[in-house]
Amino acid sequence: EAPASHEDVLPVISNLTISPDTVTDLRLKPLYAATIRMPEPV
């Protein structure tokens, strides 16, 4: 199934600080991919 309209999506780009005691919500949608860039190799 394709998305009904591109207007259903509000794209967000975020810069975050690594914190060992934090769980971050990653909001996703089918047919869209999220890129996570780490400050060093994974």
All heavy atoms as atom14 arrays in JSON, in Angstrom:
{
  "sequence": "EAPASHEDVLPVISNLTISPDTVTDLRLKPLYAATIRMPEPV",
  "atom14_mask": [
    [1, 1, 1, 1, 1, 1, 1, 1, 1, 0, 0, 0, 0, 0],
    [1, 1, 1, 1, 1, 0, 0, 0, 0, 0, 0, 0, 0, 0],
    [1, 1, 1, 1, 1, 1, 1, 0, 0, 0, 0, 0, 0, 0],
    [1, 1, 1, 1, 1, 0, 0, 0, 0, 0, 0, 0, 0, 0],
    [1, 1, 1, 1, 1, 1, 0, 0, 0, 0, 0, 0, 0, 0],
    [1, 1, 1, 1, 1, 1, 1, 1, 1, 1, 0, 0, 0, 0],
    [1, 1, 1, 1, 1, 1, 1, 1, 1, 0, 0, 0, 0, 0],
    [1, 1, 1, 1, 1, 1, 1, 1, 0, 0, 0, 0, 0, 0],
    [1, 1, 1, 1, 1, 1, 1, 0, 0, 0, 0, 0, 0, 0],
    [1, 1, 1, 1, 1, 1, 1, 1, 0, 0, 0, 0, 0, 0],
    [1, 1, 1, 1, 1, 1, 1, 0, 0, 0, 0, 0, 0, 0],
    [1, 1, 1, 1, 1, 1, 1, 0, 0, 0, 0, 0, 0, 0],
    [1, 1, 1, 1, 1, 1, 1, 1, 0, 0, 0, 0, 0, 0],
    [1, 1, 1, 1, 1, 1, 0, 0, 0, 0, 0, 0, 0, 0],
    [1, 1, 1, 1, 1, 1, 1, 1, 0, 0, 0, 0, 0, 0],
    [1, 1, 1, 1, 1, 1, 1, 1, 0, 0, 0, 0, 0, 0],
    [1, 1, 1, 1, 1, 1, 1, 0, 0, 0, 0, 0, 0, 0],
    [1, 1, 1, 1, 1, 1, 1, 1, 0, 0, 0, 0, 0, 0],
    [1, 1, 1, 1, 1, 1, 0, 0, 0, 0, 0, 0, 0, 0],
    [1, 1, 1, 1, 1, 1, 1, 0, 0, 0, 0, 0, 0, 0],
    [1, 1, 1, 1, 1, 1, 1, 1, 0, 0, 0, 0, 0, 0],
    [1, 1, 1, 1, 1, 1, 1, 0, 0, 0, 0, 0, 0, 0],
    [1, 1, 1, 1, 1, 1, 1, 0, 0, 0, 0, 0, 0, 0],
    [1, 1, 1, 1, 1, 1, 1, 0, 0, 0, 0, 0, 0, 0],
    [1, 1, 1, 1, 1, 1, 1, 1, 0, 0, 0, 0, 0, 0],
    [1, 1, 1, 1, 1, 1, 1, 1, 0, 0, 0, 0, 0, 0],
    [1, 1, 1, 1, 1, 1, 1, 1, 1, 1, 1, 0, 0, 0],
    [1, 1, 1, 1, 1, 1, 1, 1, 0, 0, 0, 0, 0, 0],
    [1, 1, 1, 1, 1, 1, 1, 1, 1, 0, 0, 0, 0, 0],
    [1, 1, 1, 1, 1, 1, 1, 0, 0, 0, 0, 0, 0, 0],
    [1, 1, 1, 1, 1, 1, 1, 1, 0, 0, 0, 0, 0, 0],
    [1, 1, 1, 1, 1, 1, 1, 1, 1, 1, 1, 1, 0, 0],
    [1, 1, 1, 1, 1, 0, 0, 0, 0, 0, 0, 0, 0, 0],
    [1, 1, 1, 1, 1, 0, 0, 0, 0, 0, 0, 0, 0, 0],
    [1, 1, 1, 1, 1, 1, 1, 0, 0, 0, 0, 0, 0, 0],
    [1, 1, 1, 1, 1, 1, 1, 1, 0, 0, 0, 0, 0, 0],
    [1, 1, 1, 1, 1, 1, 1, 1, 1, 1, 1, 0, 0, 0],
    [1, 1, 1, 1, 1, 1, 1, 1, 0, 0, 0, 0, 0, 0],
    [1, 1, 1, 1, 1, 1, 1, 0, 0, 0, 0, 0, 0, 0],
    [1, 1, 1, 1, 1, 1, 1, 1, 1, 0, 0, 0, 0, 0],
    [1, 1, 1, 1, 1, 1, 1, 0, 0, 0, 0, 0, 0, 0],
    [1, 1, 1, 1, 1, 1, 1, 0, 0, 0, 0, 0, 0, 0]
  ],
  "atom14_positions": [
    [[0.83, -1.2, 0.0], [0.0, 0.0, 0.0], [0.86, 1.25, 0.0], [1.8, 1.38, 0.79], [-0.91, 0.0, 1.22], [-1.87, 1.18, 1.24], [-2.81, 1.09, 2.42], [-2.72, 0.13, 3.17], [-3.65, 2.01, 2.56], [0.0, 0.0, 0.0], [0.0, 0.0, 0.0], [0.0, 0.0, 0.0], [0.0, 0.0, 0.0], [0.0, 0.0, 0.0]],
    [[0.57, 2.18, -0.89], [1.3, 3.45, -0.96], [0.64, 4.46, -0.07], [-0.55, 4.38, 0.21], [1.32, 3.96, -2.41], [0.0, 0.0, 0.0], [0.0, 0.0, 0.0], [0.0, 0.0, 0.0], [0.0, 0.0, 0.0], [0.0, 0.0, 0.0], [0.0, 0.0, 0.0], [0.0, 0.0, 0.0], [0.0, 0.0, 0.0], [0.0, 0.0, 0.0]],
    [[1.4, 5.44, 0.43], [0.79, 6.47, 1.28], [-0.21, 7.3, 0.51], [-0.06, 7.54, -0.68], [2.01, 7.31, 1.72], [3.06, 7.05, 0.69], [2.83, 5.66, 0.23], [0.0, 0.0, 0.0], [0.0, 0.0, 0.0], [0.0, 0.0, 0.0], [0.0, 0.0, 0.0], [0.0, 0.0, 0.0], [0.0, 0.0, 0.0], [0.0, 0.0, 0.0]],
    [[-1.25, 7.74, 1.2], [-2.31, 8.5, 0.54], [-1.79, 9.81, 0.0], [-2.19, 10.25, -1.07], [-3.45, 8.73, 1.52], [0.0, 0.0, 0.0], [0.0, 0.0, 0.0], [0.0, 0.0, 0.0], [0.0, 0.0, 0.0], [0.0, 0.0, 0.0], [0.0, 0.0, 0.0], [0.0, 0.0, 0.0], [0.0, 0.0, 0.0], [0.0, 0.0, 0.0]],
    [[-0.91, 10.47, 0.7], [-0.42, 11.77, 0.27], [0.85, 12.1, 1.03], [1.04, 11.68, 2.18], [-1.48, 12.85, 0.53], [-0.93, 14.14, 0.33], [0.0, 0.0, 0.0], [0.0, 0.0, 0.0], [0.0, 0.0, 0.0], [0.0, 0.0, 0.0], [0.0, 0.0, 0.0], [0.0, 0.0, 0.0], [0.0, 0.0, 0.0], [0.0, 0.0, 0.0]],
    [[1.77, 12.85, 0.37], [2.99, 13.27, 1.05], [2.68, 14.25, 2.17], [3.5, 14.46, 3.06], [3.94, 13.93, 0.04], [3.44, 15.23, -0.49], [2.55, 15.3, -1.54], [3.7, 16.5, -0.12], [2.28, 16.58, -1.79], [2.97, 17.32, -0.95], [0.0, 0.0, 0.0], [0.0, 0.0, 0.0], [0.0, 0.0, 0.0], [0.0, 0.0, 0.0]],
    [[1.47, 14.83, 2.17], [1.1, 15.77, 3.22], [0.82, 15.06, 4.55], [0.67, 15.71, 5.58], [-0.12, 16.58, 2.8], [0.15, 17.49, 1.59], [-1.06, 18.29, 1.2], [-2.14, 18.04, 1.78], [-0.95, 19.16, 0.32], [0.0, 0.0, 0.0], [0.0, 0.0, 0.0], [0.0, 0.0, 0.0], [0.0, 0.0, 0.0], [0.0, 0.0, 0.0]],
    [[0.74, 13.7, 4.53], [0.56, 12.97, 5.78], [1.84, 12.9, 6.59], [1.83, 12.43, 7.72], [0.08, 11.54, 5.48], [-1.33, 11.53, 4.9], [-2.04, 12.52, 5.1], [-1.69, 10.55, 4.24], [0.0, 0.0, 0.0], [0.0, 0.0, 0.0], [0.0, 0.0, 0.0], [0.0, 0.0, 0.0], [0.0, 0.0, 0.0], [0.0, 0.0, 0.0]],
    [[2.96, 13.34, 6.01], [4.26, 13.21, 6.65], [4.87, 14.58, 6.88], [4.92, 15.41, 5.98], [5.21, 12.36, 5.77], [6.62, 12.35, 6.36], [4.68, 10.94, 5.65], [0.0, 0.0, 0.0], [0.0, 0.0, 0.0], [0.0, 0.0, 0.0], [0.0, 0.0, 0.0], [0.0, 0.0, 0.0], [0.0, 0.0, 0.0], [0.0, 0.0, 0.0]],
    [[5.31, 14.82, 8.12], [6.06, 16.02, 8.46], [7.5, 15.6, 8.76], [7.81, 15.16, 9.86], [5.43, 16.7, 9.68], [6.1, 17.98, 10.17], [6.05, 19.06, 9.12], [5.46, 18.46, 11.47], [0.0, 0.0, 0.0], [0.0, 0.0, 0.0], [0.0, 0.0, 0.0], [0.0, 0.0, 0.0], [0.0, 0.0, 0.0], [0.0, 0.0, 0.0]],
    [[8.41, 15.68, 7.75], [9.77, 15.17, 7.95], [10.56, 16.0, 8.95], [10.49, 17.22, 8.94], [10.38, 15.26, 6.54], [9.57, 16.3, 5.84], [8.19, 16.22, 6.4], [0.0, 0.0, 0.0], [0.0, 0.0, 0.0], [0.0, 0.0, 0.0], [0.0, 0.0, 0.0], [0.0, 0.0, 0.0], [0.0, 0.0, 0.0], [0.0, 0.0, 0.0]],
    [[11.29, 15.31, 9.82], [12.06, 15.97, 10.87], [13.5, 15.48, 10.84], [13.75, 14.28, 10.71], [11.44, 15.72, 12.25], [12.3, 16.33, 13.36], [10.02, 16.27, 12.33], [0.0, 0.0, 0.0], [0.0, 0.0, 0.0], [0.0, 0.0, 0.0], [0.0, 0.0, 0.0], [0.0, 0.0, 0.0], [0.0, 0.0, 0.0], [0.0, 0.0, 0.0]],
    [[14.45, 16.4, 10.95], [15.87, 16.1, 11.06], [16.32, 16.56, 12.43], [16.08, 17.7, 12.81], [16.68, 16.78, 9.95], [16.24, 16.27, 8.57], [18.17, 16.55, 10.15], [16.93, 16.96, 7.43], [0.0, 0.0, 0.0], [0.0, 0.0, 0.0], [0.0, 0.0, 0.0], [0.0, 0.0, 0.0], [0.0, 0.0, 0.0], [0.0, 0.0, 0.0]],
    [[16.99, 15.68, 13.19], [17.33, 15.99, 14.58], [18.8, 15.74, 14.86], [19.39, 14.8, 14.33], [16.49, 15.15, 15.55], [15.12, 15.27, 15.28], [0.0, 0.0, 0.0], [0.0, 0.0, 0.0], [0.0, 0.0, 0.0], [0.0, 0.0, 0.0], [0.0, 0.0, 0.0], [0.0, 0.0, 0.0], [0.0, 0.0, 0.0], [0.0, 0.0, 0.0]],
    [[19.38, 16.6, 15.69], [20.71, 16.39, 16.25], [20.54, 16.12, 17.74], [19.92, 16.91, 18.43], [21.6, 17.61, 16.04], [21.98, 17.8, 14.58], [21.85, 16.88, 13.79], [22.42, 18.98, 14.23], [0.0, 0.0, 0.0], [0.0, 0.0, 0.0], [0.0, 0.0, 0.0], [0.0, 0.0, 0.0], [0.0, 0.0, 0.0], [0.0, 0.0, 0.0]],
    [[21.08, 15.01, 18.22], [20.9, 14.61, 19.61], [22.24, 14.36, 20.27], [23.24, 14.11, 19.61], [20.02, 13.37, 19.72], [18.63, 13.45, 19.09], [18.62, 12.74, 17.75], [17.6, 12.84, 19.99], [0.0, 0.0, 0.0], [0.0, 0.0, 0.0], [0.0, 0.0, 0.0], [0.0, 0.0, 0.0], [0.0, 0.0, 0.0], [0.0, 0.0, 0.0]],
    [[22.24, 14.39, 21.59], [23.42, 14.08, 22.37], [23.29, 12.69, 22.96], [22.25, 12.33, 23.51], [23.59, 15.1, 23.51], [23.7, 16.41, 22.95], [24.83, 14.8, 24.33], [0.0, 0.0, 0.0], [0.0, 0.0, 0.0], [0.0, 0.0, 0.0], [0.0, 0.0, 0.0], [0.0, 0.0, 0.0], [0.0, 0.0, 0.0], [0.0, 0.0, 0.0]],
    [[24.34, 11.89, 22.84], [24.31, 10.53, 23.38], [24.17, 10.58, 24.9], [24.88, 11.31, 25.58], [25.58, 9.77, 22.99], [25.6, 9.52, 21.48], [25.68, 8.45, 23.74], [26.84, 8.81, 21.0], [0.0, 0.0, 0.0], [0.0, 0.0, 0.0], [0.0, 0.0, 0.0], [0.0, 0.0, 0.0], [0.0, 0.0, 0.0], [0.0, 0.0, 0.0]],
    [[23.22, 9.8, 25.41], [23.03, 9.7, 26.85], [22.74, 8.25, 27.2], [21.83, 7.65, 26.64], [21.86, 10.59, 27.31], [21.62, 10.43, 28.68], [0.0, 0.0, 0.0], [0.0, 0.0, 0.0], [0.0, 0.0, 0.0], [0.0, 0.0, 0.0], [0.0, 0.0, 0.0], [0.0, 0.0, 0.0], [0.0, 0.0, 0.0], [0.0, 0.0, 0.0]],
    [[23.5, 7.65, 28.13], [23.32, 6.23, 28.44], [22.02, 5.9, 29.16], [21.61, 4.75, 29.18], [24.53, 5.91, 29.33], [24.89, 7.22, 29.95], [24.59, 8.26, 28.92], [0.0, 0.0, 0.0], [0.0, 0.0, 0.0], [0.0, 0.0, 0.0], [0.0, 0.0, 0.0], [0.0, 0.0, 0.0], [0.0, 0.0, 0.0], [0.0, 0.0, 0.0]],
    [[21.38, 6.9, 29.75], [20.14, 6.64, 30.5], [18.93, 7.26, 29.82], [17.96, 7.63, 30.48], [20.26, 7.16, 31.93], [20.68, 8.63, 31.99], [20.93, 9.19, 30.91], [20.76, 9.19, 33.09], [0.0, 0.0, 0.0], [0.0, 0.0, 0.0], [0.0, 0.0, 0.0], [0.0, 0.0, 0.0], [0.0, 0.0, 0.0], [0.0, 0.0, 0.0]],
    [[18.98, 7.35, 28.48], [17.88, 7.95, 27.72], [17.42, 6.99, 26.63], [18.24, 6.37, 25.96], [18.33, 9.27, 27.07], [18.63, 10.21, 28.09], [17.22, 9.84, 26.18], [0.0, 0.0, 0.0], [0.0, 0.0, 0.0], [0.0, 0.0, 0.0], [0.0, 0.0, 0.0], [0.0, 0.0, 0.0], [0.0, 0.0, 0.0], [0.0, 0.0, 0.0]],
    [[16.1, 6.87, 26.48], [15.51, 6.13, 25.37], [14.82, 7.14, 24.46], [13.92, 7.86, 24.9], [14.51, 5.07, 25.86], [13.85, 4.37, 24.68], [15.2, 4.06, 26.76], [0.0, 0.0, 0.0], [0.0, 0.0, 0.0], [0.0, 0.0, 0.0], [0.0, 0.0, 0.0], [0.0, 0.0, 0.0], [0.0, 0.0, 0.0], [0.0, 0.0, 0.0]],
    [[15.25, 7.21, 23.22], [14.73, 8.2, 22.28], [13.67, 7.57, 21.38], [13.87, 6.46, 20.86], [15.86, 8.75, 21.39], [16.85, 9.35, 22.22], [15.34, 9.78, 20.41], [0.0, 0.0, 0.0], [0.0, 0.0, 0.0], [0.0, 0.0, 0.0], [0.0, 0.0, 0.0], [0.0, 0.0, 0.0], [0.0, 0.0, 0.0], [0.0, 0.0, 0.0]],
    [[12.54, 8.25, 21.21], [11.5, 7.78, 20.3], [11.91, 8.07, 18.86], [12.27, 9.2, 18.51], [10.17, 8.48, 20.6], [9.52, 7.97, 21.87], [9.96, 6.92, 22.37], [8.58, 8.62, 22.36], [0.0, 0.0, 0.0], [0.0, 0.0, 0.0], [0.0, 0.0, 0.0], [0.0, 0.0, 0.0], [0.0, 0.0, 0.0], [0.0, 0.0, 0.0]],
    [[11.84, 7.04, 18.02], [12.09, 7.18, 16.58], [10.77, 6.95, 15.87], [10.26, 5.84, 15.82], [13.15, 6.19, 16.11], [13.57, 6.3, 14.64], [14.22, 7.65, 14.37], [14.51, 5.17, 14.26], [0.0, 0.0, 0.0], [0.0, 0.0, 0.0], [0.0, 0.0, 0.0], [0.0, 0.0, 0.0], [0.0, 0.0, 0.0], [0.0, 0.0, 0.0]],
    [[10.19, 8.03, 15.35], [8.87, 7.98, 14.73], [9.02, 7.63, 13.25], [9.64, 8.36, 12.49], [8.17, 9.33, 14.9], [7.97, 9.72, 16.36], [7.74, 11.2, 16.55], [8.91, 11.97, 16.15], [9.02, 13.28, 16.28], [8.03, 13.97, 16.8], [10.11, 13.91, 15.9], [0.0, 0.0, 0.0], [0.0, 0.0, 0.0], [0.0, 0.0, 0.0]],
    [[8.42, 6.5, 12.85], [8.61, 5.95, 11.52], [7.27, 5.83, 10.8], [6.2, 5.96, 11.4], [9.28, 4.58, 11.6], [10.65, 4.54, 12.29], [11.07, 3.1, 12.54], [11.69, 5.28, 11.47], [0.0, 0.0, 0.0], [0.0, 0.0, 0.0], [0.0, 0.0, 0.0], [0.0, 0.0, 0.0], [0.0, 0.0, 0.0], [0.0, 0.0, 0.0]],
    [[7.37, 5.56, 9.49], [6.17, 5.36, 8.68], [6.52, 4.41, 7.54], [7.62, 4.5, 6.99], [5.66, 6.69, 8.11], [4.29, 6.6, 7.43], [3.8, 7.98, 7.02], [2.42, 7.89, 6.36], [1.4, 7.48, 7.31], [0.0, 0.0, 0.0], [0.0, 0.0, 0.0], [0.0, 0.0, 0.0], [0.0, 0.0, 0.0], [0.0, 0.0, 0.0]],
    [[5.63, 3.48, 7.19], [5.91, 2.57, 6.08], [6.25, 3.32, 4.79], [5.69, 4.38, 4.51], [4.6, 1.78, 5.94], [4.0, 1.8, 7.3], [4.36, 3.14, 7.88], [0.0, 0.0, 0.0], [0.0, 0.0, 0.0], [0.0, 0.0, 0.0], [0.0, 0.0, 0.0], [0.0, 0.0, 0.0], [0.0, 0.0, 0.0], [0.0, 0.0, 0.0]],
    [[7.2, 2.76, 4.03], [7.7, 3.31, 2.77], [8.67, 4.49, 2.98], [9.1, 5.1, 2.02], [6.57, 3.74, 1.83], [5.52, 2.66, 1.49], [4.55, 3.19, 0.46], [6.19, 1.4, 0.99], [0.0, 0.0, 0.0], [0.0, 0.0, 0.0], [0.0, 0.0, 0.0], [0.0, 0.0, 0.0], [0.0, 0.0, 0.0], [0.0, 0.0, 0.0]],
    [[9.0, 4.79, 4.24], [9.99, 5.82, 4.54], [11.08, 5.21, 5.42], [10.79, 4.38, 6.28], [9.35, 7.01, 5.26], [8.4, 7.8, 4.4], [7.07, 7.4, 4.28], [8.8, 8.94, 3.72], [6.17, 8.11, 3.49], [7.92, 9.66, 2.93], [6.61, 9.24, 2.83], [5.73, 9.95, 2.05], [0.0, 0.0, 0.0], [0.0, 0.0, 0.0]],
    [[12.3, 5.63, 5.19], [13.43, 5.11, 5.96], [14.06, 6.23, 6.77], [14.11, 7.38, 6.32], [14.48, 4.47, 5.03], [0.0, 0.0, 0.0], [0.0, 0.0, 0.0], [0.0, 0.0, 0.0], [0.0, 0.0, 0.0], [0.0, 0.0, 0.0], [0.0, 0.0, 0.0], [0.0, 0.0, 0.0], [0.0, 0.0, 0.0], [0.0, 0.0, 0.0]],
    [[14.54, 5.9, 7.95], [15.23, 6.85, 8.81], [16.72, 6.53, 8.83], [17.12, 5.36, 8.9], [14.66, 6.81, 10.23], [0.0, 0.0, 0.0], [0.0, 0.0, 0.0], [0.0, 0.0, 0.0], [0.0, 0.0, 0.0], [0.0, 0.0, 0.0], [0.0, 0.0, 0.0], [0.0, 0.0, 0.0], [0.0, 0.0, 0.0], [0.0, 0.0, 0.0]],
    [[17.53, 7.57, 8.77], [18.99, 7.42, 8.82], [19.5, 7.88, 10.18], [19.21, 9.0, 10.61], [19.66, 8.25, 7.71], [19.2, 7.8, 6.44], [21.18, 8.1, 7.78], [0.0, 0.0, 0.0], [0.0, 0.0, 0.0], [0.0, 0.0, 0.0], [0.0, 0.0, 0.0], [0.0, 0.0, 0.0], [0.0, 0.0, 0.0], [0.0, 0.0, 0.0]],
    [[20.25, 7.02, 10.86], [20.86, 7.35, 12.13], [22.37, 7.43, 11.92], [22.99, 6.46, 11.48], [20.53, 6.29, 13.21], [19.02, 6.15, 13.37], [21.19, 6.64, 14.53], [18.61, 5.03, 14.3], [0.0, 0.0, 0.0], [0.0, 0.0, 0.0], [0.0, 0.0, 0.0], [0.0, 0.0, 0.0], [0.0, 0.0, 0.0], [0.0, 0.0, 0.0]],
    [[22.95, 8.58, 12.22], [24.39, 8.78, 12.06], [25.03, 8.88, 13.44], [24.69, 9.76, 14.23], [24.68, 10.04, 11.24], [26.19, 10.3, 11.05], [26.42, 11.57, 10.26], [25.97, 11.42, 8.89], [26.7, 10.87, 7.92], [27.93, 10.43, 8.18], [26.22, 10.78, 6.7], [0.0, 0.0, 0.0], [0.0, 0.0, 0.0], [0.0, 0.0, 0.0]],
    [[25.96, 7.99, 13.71], [26.67, 7.97, 14.97], [27.98, 8.76, 14.86], [28.51, 8.93, 13.76], [26.95, 6.53, 15.4], [25.7, 5.68, 15.55], [24.57, 6.3, 16.81], [25.57, 6.07, 18.28], [0.0, 0.0, 0.0], [0.0, 0.0, 0.0], [0.0, 0.0, 0.0], [0.0, 0.0, 0.0], [0.0, 0.0, 0.0], [0.0, 0.0, 0.0]],
    [[28.54, 9.22, 15.98], [29.77, 10.01, 15.92], [31.02, 9.17, 15.7], [32.11, 9.72, 15.53], [29.8, 10.69, 17.3], [29.06, 9.77, 18.19], [27.98, 9.17, 17.34], [0.0, 0.0, 0.0], [0.0, 0.0, 0.0], [0.0, 0.0, 0.0], [0.0, 0.0, 0.0], [0.0, 0.0, 0.0], [0.0, 0.0, 0.0], [0.0, 0.0, 0.0]],
    [[30.87, 7.83, 15.7], [32.0, 6.93, 15.49], [31.48, 5.63, 14.9], [30.26, 5.39, 14.88], [32.73, 6.68, 16.81], [31.85, 6.06, 17.88], [32.59, 5.94, 19.2], [33.61, 6.61, 19.37], [32.14, 5.15, 20.05], [0.0, 0.0, 0.0], [0.0, 0.0, 0.0], [0.0, 0.0, 0.0], [0.0, 0.0, 0.0], [0.0, 0.0, 0.0]],
    [[32.35, 4.76, 14.42], [31.9, 3.52, 13.79], [31.03, 2.66, 14.71], [31.26, 2.56, 15.91], [33.21, 2.8, 13.44], [34.2, 3.9, 13.27], [33.8, 4.94, 14.28], [0.0, 0.0, 0.0], [0.0, 0.0, 0.0], [0.0, 0.0, 0.0], [0.0, 0.0, 0.0], [0.0, 0.0, 0.0], [0.0, 0.0, 0.0], [0.0, 0.0, 0.0]],
    [[30.03, 2.02, 14.1], [29.08, 1.16, 14.82], [29.63, -0.26, 14.86], [30.11, -0.78, 13.84], [27.7, 1.2, 14.14], [26.75, 0.2, 14.77], [27.13, 2.61, 14.21], [0.0, 0.0, 0.0], [0.0, 0.0, 0.0], [0.0, 0.0, 0.0], [0.0, 0.0, 0.0], [0.0, 0.0, 0.0], [0.0, 0.0, 0.0], [0.0, 0.0, 0.0]]
  ]
}
